[in-house]
Amino acid sequence: MMLYGPIGQPFHLPVELEHRALWALKMLNFDDQAAGEKRLMQLNELEEFRNQAYDNAKIYKENTKRWHDQKIARREFTEGQRVLLYNSRLKFFLGKLKSRWSGPFTILKVSPYGHVELMEDKIQRTFTVNGHRLKHYLGDSLDEKRVNYHLS
């Protein structure tokens, strides 16, 4: 018995679909043992592709890191040295032409792990920052050179 919907198309009940699928498998002489082996082979191939992609991504990341590290300027800081601090919180359009470097500050202590303790010269306040945010302050040496140049 076929049931018809409002548009005139027949309904397909789950039992009928299962029966038709079983009939199609029998008609095609489907071997579930061979299909299972083929599926396991496909899964193994997929695992090999995944491992290859993982290895390739690892190699790519190592090469990119090596290239990036070559471009980093190595800076060594010592206690008593004067430095400038990069202000990353300076927002766009709030003084667009204002320099993002503030200071100079005096280094009080350098840690082997990269953080540096600074002292602000004007108000004698100390704080700790990451060493990557610092660069050497050359203002004093430039002022001395200017004075020496004008005197001679």
Protein backbone atom coordinates (compact mmCIF):
# COMPACT_ATOMS: atom_id res chain seq x y z
CA MET A 1 0.00 0.00 0.00
CA MET A 2 1.45 3.36 -1.04
CA LEU A 3 0.63 6.54 0.85
CA TYR A 4 0.52 9.82 -1.01
CA GLY A 5 1.22 13.29 0.32
CA PRO A 6 -0.68 16.53 -0.41
CA ILE A 7 1.28 17.17 -3.62
CA GLY A 8 0.70 13.69 -4.94
CA GLN A 9 4.18 12.35 -4.20
CA PRO A 10 4.46 9.01 -2.43
CA PHE A 11 5.67 8.85 1.15
CA HIS A 12 8.70 6.70 1.87
CA LEU A 13 8.55 5.03 5.21
CA PRO A 14 11.79 3.94 6.93
CA VAL A 15 10.91 0.25 6.61
CA GLU A 16 10.53 0.60 2.85
CA LEU A 17 13.87 2.42 2.58
CA GLU A 18 15.64 -0.24 4.63
CA HIS A 19 14.06 -2.97 2.51
CA ARG A 20 15.16 -1.24 -0.72
CA ALA A 21 18.71 -0.77 0.58
CA LEU A 22 18.92 -4.44 1.55
CA TRP A 23 17.52 -5.40 -1.84
CA ALA A 24 20.14 -3.25 -3.60
CA LEU A 25 22.95 -4.84 -1.57
CA LYS A 26 21.76 -8.33 -2.46
CA MET A 27 21.35 -7.40 -6.10
CA LEU A 28 24.89 -6.01 -6.36
CA ASN A 29 26.32 -9.01 -4.46
CA PHE A 30 27.88 -6.64 -1.94
CA ASP A 31 30.68 -8.21 0.12
CA ASP A 32 30.79 -6.56 3.55
CA GLN A 33 34.14 -8.18 4.45
CA ALA A 34 35.89 -6.61 1.41
CA ALA A 35 34.16 -3.29 2.04
CA GLY A 36 35.34 -3.31 5.65
CA GLU A 37 38.93 -3.99 4.60
CA LYS A 38 38.77 -1.22 2.01
CA ARG A 39 37.42 1.20 4.61
CA LEU A 40 40.24 0.31 7.04
CA MET A 41 42.76 0.92 4.25
CA GLN A 42 41.21 4.34 3.57
CA LEU A 43 41.41 5.20 7.28
CA ASN A 44 45.09 4.18 7.38
CA GLU A 45 45.81 6.36 4.32
CA LEU A 46 44.01 9.26 5.96
CA GLU A 47 46.15 8.81 9.09
CA GLU A 48 49.31 8.85 6.94
CA PHE A 49 48.18 12.08 5.24
CA ARG A 50 47.50 13.63 8.64
CA ASN A 51 50.96 12.66 9.91
CA GLN A 52 52.58 14.07 6.76
CA ALA A 53 50.67 17.34 7.15
CA TYR A 54 51.72 17.55 10.81
CA ASP A 55 55.41 17.02 9.90
CA ASN A 56 55.24 19.57 7.08
CA ALA A 57 53.61 22.16 9.36
CA LYS A 58 56.31 21.55 11.98
CA ILE A 59 59.09 22.05 9.41
CA TYR A 60 57.41 25.21 8.09
CA LYS A 61 57.09 26.67 11.61
CA GLU A 62 60.75 25.91 12.39
CA ASN A 63 61.91 27.61 9.18
CA THR A 64 59.67 30.63 9.79
CA LYS A 65 60.95 30.96 13.37
CA ARG A 66 64.57 30.72 12.20
CA TRP A 67 63.94 33.44 9.58
CA HIS A 68 62.12 35.66 12.10
CA ASP A 69 64.84 35.26 14.76
CA GLN A 70 67.49 36.36 12.26
CA LYS A 71 65.67 39.68 11.84
CA ILE A 72 65.48 40.42 15.57
CA ALA A 73 67.98 43.03 16.73
CA ARG A 74 69.82 41.70 19.77
CA ARG A 75 70.00 44.29 22.53
CA GLU A 76 72.13 43.89 25.64
CA PHE A 77 71.33 46.14 28.59
CA THR A 78 73.40 46.88 31.68
CA GLU A 79 72.58 48.52 34.98
CA GLY A 80 72.84 52.31 34.98
CA GLN A 81 72.22 52.55 31.23
CA ARG A 82 69.57 54.93 29.88
CA VAL A 83 66.83 53.55 27.62
CA LEU A 84 63.59 54.49 25.87
CA LEU A 85 60.35 52.56 26.48
CA TYR A 86 57.92 51.67 23.67
CA ASN A 87 54.33 52.61 24.52
CA SER A 88 52.10 50.07 22.74
CA ARG A 89 48.93 51.46 24.33
CA LEU A 90 49.07 54.71 22.39
CA LYS A 91 45.89 54.57 20.29
CA PHE A 92 45.50 55.68 16.70
CA PHE A 93 44.37 59.26 16.04
CA LEU A 94 45.23 60.38 19.57
CA GLY A 95 48.31 62.36 18.63
CA LYS A 96 49.08 60.54 15.40
CA LEU A 97 52.42 62.25 15.07
CA LYS A 98 53.38 61.69 18.68
CA SER A 99 56.29 59.32 19.17
CA ARG A 100 55.50 55.97 20.74
CA TRP A 101 58.85 56.00 22.58
CA SER A 102 58.87 57.59 26.03
CA GLY A 103 61.68 58.24 28.41
CA PRO A 104 64.56 58.24 29.00
CA PHE A 105 64.61 55.82 31.93
CA THR A 106 67.52 54.45 33.93
CA ILE A 107 68.00 50.68 34.27
CA LEU A 108 68.19 49.52 37.89
CA LYS A 109 68.27 45.74 37.42
CA VAL A 110 68.46 43.35 34.45
CA SER A 111 67.02 39.85 34.87
CA PRO A 112 68.39 36.87 32.94
CA TYR A 113 64.80 36.03 31.92
CA GLY A 114 64.27 39.25 29.96
CA HIS A 115 62.48 41.61 32.32
CA VAL A 116 64.14 44.86 33.28
CA GLU A 117 63.52 47.10 36.29
CA LEU A 118 63.46 50.77 35.30
CA MET A 119 63.46 54.03 37.23
CA GLU A 120 61.81 57.14 35.87
CA ASP A 121 64.29 60.00 36.28
CA LYS A 122 61.81 62.77 37.04
CA ILE A 123 59.73 61.23 39.83
CA GLN A 124 62.01 58.40 41.04
CA ARG A 125 59.32 55.76 40.41
CA THR A 126 60.42 52.16 39.66
CA PHE A 127 58.60 49.58 37.55
CA THR A 128 59.35 46.37 35.64
CA VAL A 129 58.94 45.87 31.86
CA ASN A 130 59.78 43.33 29.19
CA GLY A 131 63.23 43.93 27.67
CA HIS A 132 61.83 43.70 24.13
CA ARG A 133 60.03 47.00 24.66
CA LEU A 134 63.27 48.90 25.25
CA LYS A 135 65.89 50.49 23.03
CA HIS A 136 69.11 52.31 23.84
CA TYR A 137 68.86 56.05 24.47
CA LEU A 138 71.50 57.92 22.49
CA GLY A 139 70.42 61.45 23.45
CA ASP A 140 73.18 62.07 26.00
CA SER A 141 75.95 61.08 23.63
CA LEU A 142 74.45 63.18 20.82
CA ASP A 143 74.18 66.23 23.13
CA GLU A 144 77.82 65.78 24.18
CA LYS A 145 78.90 65.55 20.54
CA ARG A 146 76.97 68.74 19.73
CA VAL A 147 78.61 70.60 22.60
CA ASN A 148 82.07 69.36 21.62
CA TYR A 149 81.40 70.30 17.98
CA HIS A 150 80.38 73.88 18.91
CA LEU A 151 83.34 74.33 21.25
CA SER A 152 85.94 73.40 18.66
